[in-house]
Amino acid sequence: GDVLGSDRGKMEVSASSEFNKLPLAAPYGIASVSPEGERSVVLNA
């Protein structure tokens, strides 16, 4: 889905539905804020 925005470790992604306050899983010690317009991979965990 498309990243619509990110703030404080949470993302908003538009895919089959709108995902709000979506947490970002990343390897320990790596943190990022994905910029708007990137393609995110969303997984149901």
PDB file of all heavy atoms in Angstrom:
ATOM      1  N   GLY A   1       0.829  -1.193   0.000  1.00  0.00           N
ATOM      2  CA  GLY A   1       0.000   0.000   0.000  1.00  0.00           C
ATOM      3  C   GLY A   1       0.863   1.241   0.000  1.00  0.00           C
ATOM      4  O   GLY A   1       2.071   1.174   0.235  1.00  0.00           O
ATOM      5  N   ASP A   2       0.255   2.374  -0.266  1.00  0.00           N
ATOM      6  CA  ASP A   2       0.964   3.655  -0.309  1.00  0.00           C
ATOM      7  C   ASP A   2       1.014   4.291   1.070  1.00  0.00           C
ATOM      8  O   ASP A   2      -0.002   4.368   1.762  1.00  0.00           O
ATOM      9  CB  ASP A   2       0.272   4.620  -1.276  1.00  0.00           C
ATOM     10  CG  ASP A   2       0.342   4.123  -2.706  1.00  0.00           C
ATOM     11  OD1 ASP A   2       1.408   3.646  -3.117  1.00  0.00           O
ATOM     12  OD2 ASP A   2      -0.684   4.211  -3.407  1.00  0.00           O
ATOM     13  N   VAL A   3       2.200   4.775   1.453  1.00  0.00           N
ATOM     14  CA  VAL A   3       2.349   5.500   2.709  1.00  0.00           C
ATOM     15  C   VAL A   3       1.722   6.879   2.516  1.00  0.00           C
ATOM     16  O   VAL A   3       2.112   7.632   1.627  1.00  0.00           O
ATOM     17  CB  VAL A   3       3.832   5.626   3.116  1.00  0.00           C
ATOM     18  CG1 VAL A   3       3.974   6.489   4.364  1.00  0.00           C
ATOM     19  CG2 VAL A   3       4.457   4.254   3.327  1.00  0.00           C
ATOM     20  N   LEU A   4       0.753   7.191   3.359  1.00  0.00           N
ATOM     21  CA  LEU A   4       0.085   8.498   3.296  1.00  0.00           C
ATOM     22  C   LEU A   4       0.713   9.484   4.266  1.00  0.00           C
ATOM     23  O   LEU A   4       0.588  10.692   4.103  1.00  0.00           O
ATOM     24  CB  LEU A   4      -1.407   8.346   3.598  1.00  0.00           C
ATOM     25  CG  LEU A   4      -2.182   7.419   2.668  1.00  0.00           C
ATOM     26  CD1 LEU A   4      -3.626   7.290   3.136  1.00  0.00           C
ATOM     27  CD2 LEU A   4      -2.110   7.905   1.236  1.00  0.00           C
ATOM     28  N   GLY A   5       1.393   8.954   5.283  1.00  0.00           N
ATOM     29  CA  GLY A   5       2.046   9.801   6.267  1.00  0.00           C
ATOM     30  C   GLY A   5       2.626   8.955   7.386  1.00  0.00           C
ATOM     31  O   GLY A   5       2.257   7.799   7.554  1.00  0.00           O
ATOM     32  N   SER A   6       3.559   9.529   8.150  1.00  0.00           N
ATOM     33  CA  SER A   6       4.185   8.847   9.276  1.00  0.00           C
ATOM     34  C   SER A   6       4.442   9.863  10.373  1.00  0.00           C
ATOM     35  O   SER A   6       4.747  11.017  10.101  1.00  0.00           O
ATOM     36  CB  SER A   6       5.526   8.230   8.869  1.00  0.00           C
ATOM     37  OG  SER A   6       5.367   7.258   7.881  1.00  0.00           O
ATOM     38  N   ASP A   7       4.330   9.402  11.607  1.00  0.00           N
ATOM     39  CA  ASP A   7       4.623  10.271  12.740  1.00  0.00           C
ATOM     40  C   ASP A   7       4.866   9.416  13.977  1.00  0.00           C
ATOM     41  O   ASP A   7       4.048   8.546  14.292  1.00  0.00           O
ATOM     42  CB  ASP A   7       3.467  11.234  12.993  1.00  0.00           C
ATOM     43  CG  ASP A   7       3.791  12.268  14.062  1.00  0.00           C
ATOM     44  OD1 ASP A   7       4.937  12.739  14.108  1.00  0.00           O
ATOM     45  OD2 ASP A   7       2.882  12.600  14.832  1.00  0.00           O
ATOM     46  N   ARG A   8       5.984   9.661  14.649  1.00  0.00           N
ATOM     47  CA  ARG A   8       6.302   9.003  15.919  1.00  0.00           C
ATOM     48  C   ARG A   8       6.204   7.488  15.857  1.00  0.00           C
ATOM     49  O   ARG A   8       5.616   6.841  16.726  1.00  0.00           O
ATOM     50  CB  ARG A   8       5.427   9.539  17.026  1.00  0.00           C
ATOM     51  CG  ARG A   8       5.647  11.013  17.256  1.00  0.00           C
ATOM     52  CD  ARG A   8       4.755  11.535  18.345  1.00  0.00           C
ATOM     53  NE  ARG A   8       4.873  12.973  18.395  1.00  0.00           N
ATOM     54  CZ  ARG A   8       5.224  13.638  19.475  1.00  0.00           C
ATOM     55  NH1 ARG A   8       5.479  13.015  20.583  1.00  0.00           N
ATOM     56  NH2 ARG A   8       5.305  14.942  19.430  1.00  0.00           N
ATOM     57  N   GLY A   9       6.775   6.886  14.806  1.00  0.00           N
ATOM     58  CA  GLY A   9       6.803   5.441  14.708  1.00  0.00           C
ATOM     59  C   GLY A   9       5.520   4.788  14.251  1.00  0.00           C
ATOM     60  O   GLY A   9       5.414   3.566  14.236  1.00  0.00           O
ATOM     61  N   LYS A  10       4.533   5.556  13.876  1.00  0.00           N
ATOM     62  CA  LYS A  10       3.265   5.020  13.371  1.00  0.00           C
ATOM     63  C   LYS A  10       3.060   5.519  11.947  1.00  0.00           C
ATOM     64  O   LYS A  10       3.459   6.624  11.599  1.00  0.00           O
ATOM     65  CB  LYS A  10       2.086   5.480  14.238  1.00  0.00           C
ATOM     66  CG  LYS A  10       2.203   5.112  15.695  1.00  0.00           C
ATOM     67  CD  LYS A  10       1.962   3.654  15.927  1.00  0.00           C
ATOM     68  CE  LYS A  10       1.997   3.356  17.421  1.00  0.00           C
ATOM     69  NZ  LYS A  10       1.680   1.992  17.724  1.00  0.00           N
ATOM     70  N   MET A  11       2.458   4.674  11.120  1.00  0.00           N
ATOM     71  CA  MET A  11       2.253   5.018   9.720  1.00  0.00           C
ATOM     72  C   MET A  11       0.775   5.004   9.373  1.00  0.00           C
ATOM     73  O   MET A  11      -0.016   4.305   9.993  1.00  0.00           O
ATOM     74  CB  MET A  11       2.964   3.998   8.821  1.00  0.00           C
ATOM     75  CG  MET A  11       4.449   3.940   8.996  1.00  0.00           C
ATOM     76  SD  MET A  11       5.182   2.574   8.073  1.00  0.00           S
ATOM     77  CE  MET A  11       4.775   3.034   6.405  1.00  0.00           C
ATOM     78  N   GLU A  12       0.449   5.744   8.334  1.00  0.00           N
ATOM     79  CA  GLU A  12      -0.878   5.698   7.734  1.00  0.00           C
ATOM     80  C   GLU A  12      -0.670   5.167   6.325  1.00  0.00           C
ATOM     81  O   GLU A  12       0.104   5.728   5.550  1.00  0.00           O
ATOM     82  CB  GLU A  12      -1.487   7.103   7.699  1.00  0.00           C
ATOM     83  CG  GLU A  12      -2.912   7.133   7.246  1.00  0.00           C
ATOM     84  CD  GLU A  12      -3.499   8.535   7.322  1.00  0.00           C
ATOM     85  OE1 GLU A  12      -2.989   9.364   8.098  1.00  0.00           O
ATOM     86  OE2 GLU A  12      -4.446   8.787   6.574  1.00  0.00           O
ATOM     87  N   VAL A  13      -1.309   4.037   6.006  1.00  0.00           N
ATOM     88  CA  VAL A  13      -1.102   3.358   4.725  1.00  0.00           C
ATOM     89  C   VAL A  13      -2.443   3.093   4.072  1.00  0.00           C
ATOM     90  O   VAL A  13      -3.394   2.663   4.718  1.00  0.00           O
ATOM     91  CB  VAL A  13      -0.341   2.020   4.932  1.00  0.00           C
ATOM     92  CG1 VAL A  13      -0.203   1.261   3.629  1.00  0.00           C
ATOM     93  CG2 VAL A  13       1.030   2.263   5.553  1.00  0.00           C
ATOM     94  N   SER A  14      -2.503   3.349   2.773  1.00  0.00           N
ATOM     95  CA  SER A  14      -3.682   3.045   1.981  1.00  0.00           C
ATOM     96  C   SER A  14      -3.398   1.802   1.153  1.00  0.00           C
ATOM     97  O   SER A  14      -2.554   1.825   0.262  1.00  0.00           O
ATOM     98  CB  SER A  14      -4.024   4.220   1.062  1.00  0.00           C
ATOM     99  OG  SER A  14      -5.114   3.883   0.229  1.00  0.00           O
ATOM    100  N   ALA A  15      -4.086   0.704   1.475  1.00  0.00           N
ATOM    101  CA  ALA A  15      -3.948  -0.545   0.727  1.00  0.00           C
ATOM    102  C   ALA A  15      -5.362  -1.022   0.402  1.00  0.00           C
ATOM    103  O   ALA A  15      -6.152  -0.245  -0.113  1.00  0.00           O
ATOM    104  CB  ALA A  15      -3.166  -1.564   1.548  1.00  0.00           C
ATOM    105  N   SER A  16      -5.712  -2.266   0.754  1.00  0.00           N
ATOM    106  CA  SER A  16      -7.077  -2.733   0.520  1.00  0.00           C
ATOM    107  C   SER A  16      -8.057  -1.960   1.395  1.00  0.00           C
ATOM    108  O   SER A  16      -9.240  -1.897   1.123  1.00  0.00           O
ATOM    109  CB  SER A  16      -7.188  -4.226   0.809  1.00  0.00           C
ATOM    110  OG  SER A  16      -6.889  -4.482   2.170  1.00  0.00           O
ATOM    111  N   SER A  17      -7.519  -1.372   2.479  1.00  0.00           N
ATOM    112  CA  SER A  17      -8.280  -0.476   3.343  1.00  0.00           C
ATOM    113  C   SER A  17      -7.300   0.550   3.889  1.00  0.00           C
ATOM    114  O   SER A  17      -6.105   0.481   3.625  1.00  0.00           O
ATOM    115  CB  SER A  17      -8.964  -1.254   4.477  1.00  0.00           C
ATOM    116  OG  SER A  17      -8.004  -1.887   5.282  1.00  0.00           O
ATOM    117  N   GLU A  18      -7.805   1.506   4.653  1.00  0.00           N
ATOM    118  CA  GLU A  18      -6.944   2.519   5.271  1.00  0.00           C
ATOM    119  C   GLU A  18      -6.423   1.975   6.595  1.00  0.00           C
ATOM    120  O   GLU A  18      -7.197   1.528   7.436  1.00  0.00           O
ATOM    121  CB  GLU A  18      -7.723   3.809   5.522  1.00  0.00           C
ATOM    122  CG  GLU A  18      -8.176   4.502   4.267  1.00  0.00           C
ATOM    123  CD  GLU A  18      -7.061   5.256   3.569  1.00  0.00           C
ATOM    124  OE1 GLU A  18      -6.210   5.836   4.249  1.00  0.00           O
ATOM    125  OE2 GLU A  18      -7.060   5.249   2.324  1.00  0.00           O
ATOM    126  N   PHE A  19      -5.119   1.991   6.774  1.00  0.00           N
ATOM    127  CA  PHE A  19      -4.500   1.572   8.021  1.00  0.00           C
ATOM    128  C   PHE A  19      -3.987   2.825   8.718  1.00  0.00           C
ATOM    129  O   PHE A  19      -3.156   3.546   8.177  1.00  0.00           O
ATOM    130  CB  PHE A  19      -3.336   0.615   7.764  1.00  0.00           C
ATOM    131  CG  PHE A  19      -3.744  -0.697   7.155  1.00  0.00           C
ATOM    132  CD1 PHE A  19      -3.704  -0.872   5.777  1.00  0.00           C
ATOM    133  CD2 PHE A  19      -4.161  -1.745   7.952  1.00  0.00           C
ATOM    134  CE1 PHE A  19      -4.066  -2.074   5.206  1.00  0.00           C
ATOM    135  CE2 PHE A  19      -4.535  -2.952   7.395  1.00  0.00           C
ATOM    136  CZ  PHE A  19      -4.485  -3.127   6.017  1.00  0.00           C
ATOM    137  N   ASN A  20      -4.496   3.091   9.920  1.00  0.00           N
ATOM    138  CA  ASN A  20      -4.080   4.254  10.692  1.00  0.00           C
ATOM    139  C   ASN A  20      -3.294   3.801  11.914  1.00  0.00           C
ATOM    140  O   ASN A  20      -3.599   2.765  12.496  1.00  0.00           O
ATOM    141  CB  ASN A  20      -5.288   5.070  11.140  1.00  0.00           C
ATOM    142  CG  ASN A  20      -6.035   5.647   9.948  1.00  0.00           C
ATOM    143  OD1 ASN A  20      -5.435   6.332   9.127  1.00  0.00           O
ATOM    144  ND2 ASN A  20      -7.314   5.363   9.839  1.00  0.00           N
ATOM    145  N   LYS A  21      -2.315   4.595  12.318  1.00  0.00           N
ATOM    146  CA  LYS A  21      -1.485   4.287  13.492  1.00  0.00           C
ATOM    147  C   LYS A  21      -0.896   2.894  13.388  1.00  0.00           C
ATOM    148  O   LYS A  21      -0.866   2.127  14.347  1.00  0.00           O
ATOM    149  CB  LYS A  21      -2.282   4.467  14.774  1.00  0.00           C
ATOM    150  CG  LYS A  21      -2.736   5.896  14.980  1.00  0.00           C
ATOM    151  CD  LYS A  21      -3.442   6.075  16.278  1.00  0.00           C
ATOM    152  CE  LYS A  21      -3.893   7.531  16.417  1.00  0.00           C
ATOM    153  NZ  LYS A  21      -4.663   7.757  17.627  1.00  0.00           N
ATOM    154  N   LEU A  22      -0.423   2.550  12.200  1.00  0.00           N
ATOM    155  CA  LEU A  22       0.158   1.255  11.912  1.00  0.00           C
ATOM    156  C   LEU A  22       1.589   1.214  12.443  1.00  0.00           C
ATOM    157  O   LEU A  22       2.413   2.045  12.066  1.00  0.00           O
ATOM    158  CB  LEU A  22       0.148   1.049  10.394  1.00  0.00           C
ATOM    159  CG  LEU A  22       0.456  -0.307   9.811  1.00  0.00           C
ATOM    160  CD1 LEU A  22      -0.601  -1.319  10.231  1.00  0.00           C
ATOM    161  CD2 LEU A  22       0.497  -0.212   8.301  1.00  0.00           C
ATOM    162  N   PRO A  23       1.927   0.287  13.351  1.00  0.00           N
ATOM    163  CA  PRO A  23       3.306   0.224  13.840  1.00  0.00           C
ATOM    164  C   PRO A  23       4.241  -0.287  12.751  1.00  0.00           C
ATOM    165  O   PRO A  23       3.835  -1.032  11.861  1.00  0.00           O
ATOM    166  CB  PRO A  23       3.232  -0.739  15.012  1.00  0.00           C
ATOM    167  CG  PRO A  23       1.992  -1.523  14.827  1.00  0.00           C
ATOM    168  CD  PRO A  23       1.065  -0.689  13.979  1.00  0.00           C
ATOM    169  N   LEU A  24       5.502   0.116  12.840  1.00  0.00           N
ATOM    170  CA  LEU A  24       6.523  -0.316  11.892  1.00  0.00           C
ATOM    171  C   LEU A  24       7.419  -1.337  12.564  1.00  0.00           C
ATOM    172  O   LEU A  24       8.014  -1.055  13.606  1.00  0.00           O
ATOM    173  CB  LEU A  24       7.358   0.873  11.417  1.00  0.00           C
ATOM    174  CG  LEU A  24       8.538   0.547  10.503  1.00  0.00           C
ATOM    175  CD1 LEU A  24       8.065  -0.088   9.205  1.00  0.00           C
ATOM    176  CD2 LEU A  24       9.344   1.796  10.197  1.00  0.00           C
ATOM    177  N   ALA A  25       7.510  -2.534  11.994  1.00  0.00           N
ATOM    178  CA  ALA A  25       8.418  -3.562  12.491  1.00  0.00           C
ATOM    179  C   ALA A  25       9.755  -3.385  11.788  1.00  0.00           C
ATOM    180  O   ALA A  25       9.808  -3.221  10.573  1.00  0.00           O
ATOM    181  CB  ALA A  25       7.851  -4.947  12.208  1.00  0.00           C
ATOM    182  N   ALA A  26      10.830  -3.380  12.550  1.00  0.00           N
ATOM    183  CA  ALA A  26      12.170  -3.217  11.984  1.00  0.00           C
ATOM    184  C   ALA A  26      13.158  -3.970  12.868  1.00  0.00           C
ATOM    185  O   ALA A  26      12.868  -4.234  14.035  1.00  0.00           O
ATOM    186  CB  ALA A  26      12.539  -1.731  11.929  1.00  0.00           C
ATOM    187  N   PRO A  27      14.323  -4.312  12.335  1.00  0.00           N
ATOM    188  CA  PRO A  27      15.333  -4.951  13.179  1.00  0.00           C
ATOM    189  C   PRO A  27      15.684  -4.059  14.364  1.00  0.00           C
ATOM    190  O   PRO A  27      15.645  -2.828  14.259  1.00  0.00           O
ATOM    191  CB  PRO A  27      16.538  -5.097  12.247  1.00  0.00           C
ATOM    192  CG  PRO A  27      15.963  -5.068  10.871  1.00  0.00           C
ATOM    193  CD  PRO A  27      14.774  -4.153  10.957  1.00  0.00           C
ATOM    194  N   TYR A  28      16.035  -4.685  15.495  1.00  0.00           N
ATOM    195  CA  TYR A  28      16.412  -3.939  16.683  1.00  0.00           C
ATOM    196  C   TYR A  28      17.535  -2.964  16.356  1.00  0.00           C
ATOM    197  O   TYR A  28      18.487  -3.297  15.662  1.00  0.00           O
ATOM    198  CB  TYR A  28      16.872  -4.883  17.795  1.00  0.00           C
ATOM    199  CG  TYR A  28      17.312  -4.122  19.019  1.00  0.00           C
ATOM    200  CD1 TYR A  28      16.370  -3.613  19.901  1.00  0.00           C
ATOM    201  CD2 TYR A  28      18.653  -3.857  19.258  1.00  0.00           C
ATOM    202  CE1 TYR A  28      16.760  -2.879  21.003  1.00  0.00           C
ATOM    203  CE2 TYR A  28      19.047  -3.134  20.355  1.00  0.00           C
ATOM    204  CZ  TYR A  28      18.099  -2.644  21.226  1.00  0.00           C
ATOM    205  OH  TYR A  28      18.487  -1.910  22.316  1.00  0.00           O
ATOM    206  N   GLY A  29      17.415  -1.757  16.855  1.00  0.00           N
ATOM    207  CA  GLY A  29      18.453  -0.745  16.662  1.00  0.00           C
ATOM    208  C   GLY A  29      18.282   0.101  15.415  1.00  0.00           C
ATOM    209  O   GLY A  29      19.047   1.008  15.180  1.00  0.00           O
ATOM    210  N   ILE A  30      17.271  -0.211  14.612  1.00  0.00           N
ATOM    211  CA  ILE A  30      17.015   0.574  13.408  1.00  0.00           C
ATOM    212  C   ILE A  30      15.637   1.209  13.531  1.00  0.00           C
ATOM    213  O   ILE A  30      14.652   0.528  13.783  1.00  0.00           O
ATOM    214  CB  ILE A  30      17.083  -0.279  12.128  1.00  0.00           C
ATOM    215  CG1 ILE A  30      18.489  -0.854  11.965  1.00  0.00           C
ATOM    216  CG2 ILE A  30      16.664   0.530  10.901  1.00  0.00           C
ATOM    217  CD1 ILE A  30      18.652  -1.761  10.788  1.00  0.00           C
ATOM    218  N   ALA A  31      15.592   2.508  13.397  1.00  0.00           N
ATOM    219  CA  ALA A  31      14.323   3.223  13.445  1.00  0.00           C
ATOM    220  C   ALA A  31      14.247   4.142  12.237  1.00  0.00           C
ATOM    221  O   ALA A  31      15.257   4.684  11.800  1.00  0.00           O
ATOM    222  CB  ALA A  31      14.223   4.043  14.730  1.00  0.00           C
ATOM    223  N   SER A  32      13.058   4.291  11.696  1.00  0.00           N
ATOM    224  CA  SER A  32      12.884   5.190  10.568  1.00  0.00           C
ATOM    225  C   SER A  32      11.458   5.701  10.535  1.00  0.00           C
ATOM    226  O   SER A  32      10.574   5.134  11.173  1.00  0.00           O
ATOM    227  CB  SER A  32      13.214   4.483   9.246  1.00  0.00           C
ATOM    228  OG  SER A  32      12.258   3.483   8.967  1.00  0.00           O
ATOM    229  N   VAL A  33      11.264   6.759   9.800  1.00  0.00           N
ATOM    230  CA  VAL A  33       9.939   7.301   9.536  1.00  0.00           C
ATOM    231  C   VAL A  33       9.799   7.308   8.017  1.00  0.00           C
ATOM    232  O   VAL A  33      10.516   8.030   7.325  1.00  0.00           O
ATOM    233  CB  VAL A  33       9.784   8.733  10.112  1.00  0.00           C
ATOM    234  CG1 VAL A  33       8.421   9.300   9.762  1.00  0.00           C
ATOM    235  CG2 VAL A  33       9.999   8.724  11.620  1.00  0.00           C
ATOM    236  N   SER A  34       8.925   6.464   7.507  1.00  0.00           N
ATOM    237  CA  SER A  34       8.777   6.327   6.057  1.00  0.00           C
ATOM    238  C   SER A  34       8.134   7.559   5.460  1.00  0.00           C
ATOM    239  O   SER A  34       7.098   8.018   5.948  1.00  0.00           O
ATOM    240  CB  SER A  34       7.933   5.101   5.726  1.00  0.00           C
ATOM    241  OG  SER A  34       8.538   3.938   6.226  1.00  0.00           O
ATOM    242  N   PRO A  35       8.734   8.108   4.396  1.00  0.00           N
ATOM    243  CA  PRO A  35       8.145   9.294   3.770  1.00  0.00           C
ATOM    244  C   PRO A  35       6.891   8.963   2.966  1.00  0.00           C
ATOM    245  O   PRO A  35       6.725   7.845   2.489  1.00  0.00           O
ATOM    246  CB  PRO A  35       9.260   9.824   2.870  1.00  0.00           C
ATOM    247  CG  PRO A  35      10.211   8.712   2.687  1.00  0.00           C
ATOM    248  CD  PRO A  35      10.016   7.746   3.804  1.00  0.00           C
ATOM    249  N   GLU A  36       6.055   9.955   2.846  1.00  0.00           N
ATOM    250  CA  GLU A  36       4.838   9.851   2.056  1.00  0.00           C
ATOM    251  C   GLU A  36       5.177   9.429   0.633  1.00  0.00           C
ATOM    252  O   GLU A  36       6.168   9.863   0.058  1.00  0.00           O
ATOM    253  CB  GLU A  36       4.151  11.215   2.044  1.00  0.00           C
ATOM    254  CG  GLU A  36       2.749  11.196   1.540  1.00  0.00           C
ATOM    255  CD  GLU A  36       2.077  12.549   1.696  1.00  0.00           C
ATOM    256  OE1 GLU A  36       2.174  13.144   2.797  1.00  0.00           O
ATOM    257  OE2 GLU A  36       1.468  13.004   0.711  1.00  0.00           O
ATOM    258  N   GLY A  37       4.355   8.533   0.079  1.00  0.00           N
ATOM    259  CA  GLY A  37       4.523   8.107  -1.307  1.00  0.00           C
ATOM    260  C   GLY A  37       5.291   6.816  -1.479  1.00  0.00           C
ATOM    261  O   GLY A  37       5.269   6.228  -2.555  1.00  0.00           O
ATOM    262  N   GLU A  38       5.972   6.333  -0.437  1.00  0.00           N
ATOM    263  CA  GLU A  38       6.679   5.054  -0.535  1.00  0.00           C
ATOM    264  C   GLU A  38       5.663   3.918  -0.537  1.00  0.00           C
ATOM    265  O   GLU A  38       4.511   4.096  -0.143  1.00  0.00           O
ATOM    266  CB  GLU A  38       7.650   4.879   0.638  1.00  0.00           C
ATOM    267  CG  GLU A  38       8.809   5.838   0.626  1.00  0.00           C
ATOM    268  CD  GLU A  38       9.787   5.587  -0.505  1.00  0.00           C
ATOM    269  OE1 GLU A  38      10.000   4.415  -0.878  1.00  0.00           O
ATOM    270  OE2 GLU A  38      10.334   6.569  -1.031  1.00  0.00           O
ATOM    271  N   ARG A  39       6.078   2.731  -0.983  1.00  0.00           N
ATOM    272  CA  ARG A  39       5.216   1.547  -0.981  1.00  0.00           C
ATOM    273  C   ARG A  39       5.535   0.712   0.252  1.00  0.00           C
ATOM    274  O   ARG A  39       6.649   0.239   0.415  1.00  0.00           O
ATOM    275  CB  ARG A  39       5.438   0.705  -2.233  1.00  0.00           C
ATOM    276  CG  ARG A  39       5.033   1.364  -3.526  1.00  0.00           C
ATOM    277  CD  ARG A  39       3.553   1.448  -3.746  1.00  0.00           C
ATOM    278  NE  ARG A  39       2.965   0.128  -3.919  1.00  0.00           N
ATOM    279  CZ  ARG A  39       1.669  -0.110  -3.848  1.00  0.00           C
ATOM    280  NH1 ARG A  39       0.828   0.861  -3.616  1.00  0.00           N
ATOM    281  NH2 ARG A  39       1.210  -1.318  -4.007  1.00  0.00           N
ATOM    282  N   SER A  40       4.557   0.543   1.132  1.00  0.00           N
ATOM    283  CA  SER A  40       4.732  -0.215   2.367  1.00  0.00           C
ATOM    284  C   SER A  40       4.212  -1.637   2.187  1.00  0.00           C
ATOM    285  O   SER A  40       3.258  -1.876   1.451  1.00  0.00           O
ATOM    286  CB  SER A  40       3.957   0.464   3.501  1.00  0.00           C
ATOM    287  OG  SER A  40       4.004  -0.311   4.671  1.00  0.00           O
ATOM    288  N   VAL A  41       4.843  -2.583   2.882  1.00  0.00           N
ATOM    289  CA  VAL A  41       4.351  -3.953   2.944  1.00  0.00           C
ATOM    290  C   VAL A  41       3.658  -4.109   4.290  1.00  0.00           C
ATOM    291  O   VAL A  41       4.268  -3.919   5.341  1.00  0.00           O
ATOM    292  CB  VAL A  41       5.499  -4.976   2.799  1.00  0.00           C
ATOM    293  CG1 VAL A  41       4.965  -6.395   2.936  1.00  0.00           C
ATOM    294  CG2 VAL A  41       6.208  -4.795   1.471  1.00  0.00           C
ATOM    295  N   VAL A  42       2.373  -4.415   4.259  1.00  0.00           N
ATOM    296  CA  VAL A  42       1.559  -4.548   5.464  1.00  0.00           C
ATOM    297  C   VAL A  42       1.265  -6.028   5.680  1.00  0.00           C
ATOM    298  O   VAL A  42       0.880  -6.742   4.757  1.00  0.00           O
ATOM    299  CB  VAL A  42       0.233  -3.749   5.334  1.00  0.00           C
ATOM    300  CG1 VAL A  42      -0.618  -3.929   6.571  1.00  0.00           C
ATOM    301  CG2 VAL A  42       0.525  -2.284   5.073  1.00  0.00           C
ATOM    302  N   LEU A  43       1.461  -6.485   6.919  1.00  0.00           N
ATOM    303  CA  LEU A  43       1.272  -7.882   7.270  1.00  0.00           C
ATOM    304  C   LEU A  43       0.335  -7.970   8.462  1.00  0.00           C
ATOM    305  O   LEU A  43       0.443  -7.180   9.403  1.00  0.00           O
ATOM    306  CB  LEU A  43       2.628  -8.498   7.623  1.00  0.00           C
ATOM    307  CG  LEU A  43       2.664  -9.943   8.114  1.00  0.00           C
ATOM    308  CD1 LEU A  43       2.224 -10.888   7.002  1.00  0.00           C
ATOM    309  CD2 LEU A  43       4.071 -10.286   8.561  1.00  0.00           C
ATOM    310  N   ASN A  44      -0.569  -8.927   8.438  1.00  0.00           N
ATOM    311  CA  ASN A  44      -1.438  -9.176   9.581  1.00  0.00           C
ATOM    312  C   ASN A  44      -0.693 -10.135  10.503  1.00  0.00           C
ATOM    313  O   ASN A  44      -0.400 -11.260  10.127  1.00  0.00           O
ATOM    314  CB  ASN A  44      -2.767  -9.773   9.133  1.00  0.00           C
ATOM    315  CG  ASN A  44      -3.741  -9.891  10.281  1.00  0.00           C
ATOM    316  OD1 ASN A  44      -3.358 -10.041  11.431  1.00  0.00           O
ATOM    317  ND2 ASN A  44      -5.007  -9.847   9.958  1.00  0.00           N
ATOM    318  N   ALA A  45      -0.357  -9.674  11.701  1.00  0.00           N
ATOM    319  CA  ALA A  45       0.384 -10.477  12.666  1.00  0.00           C
ATOM    320  C   ALA A  45      -0.486 -10.701  13.896  1.00  0.00           C
ATOM    321  O   ALA A  45      -0.694  -9.788  14.678  1.00  0.00           O
ATOM    322  CB  ALA A  45       1.679  -9.771  13.043  1.00  0.00           C
TER     323      ALA A  45
END
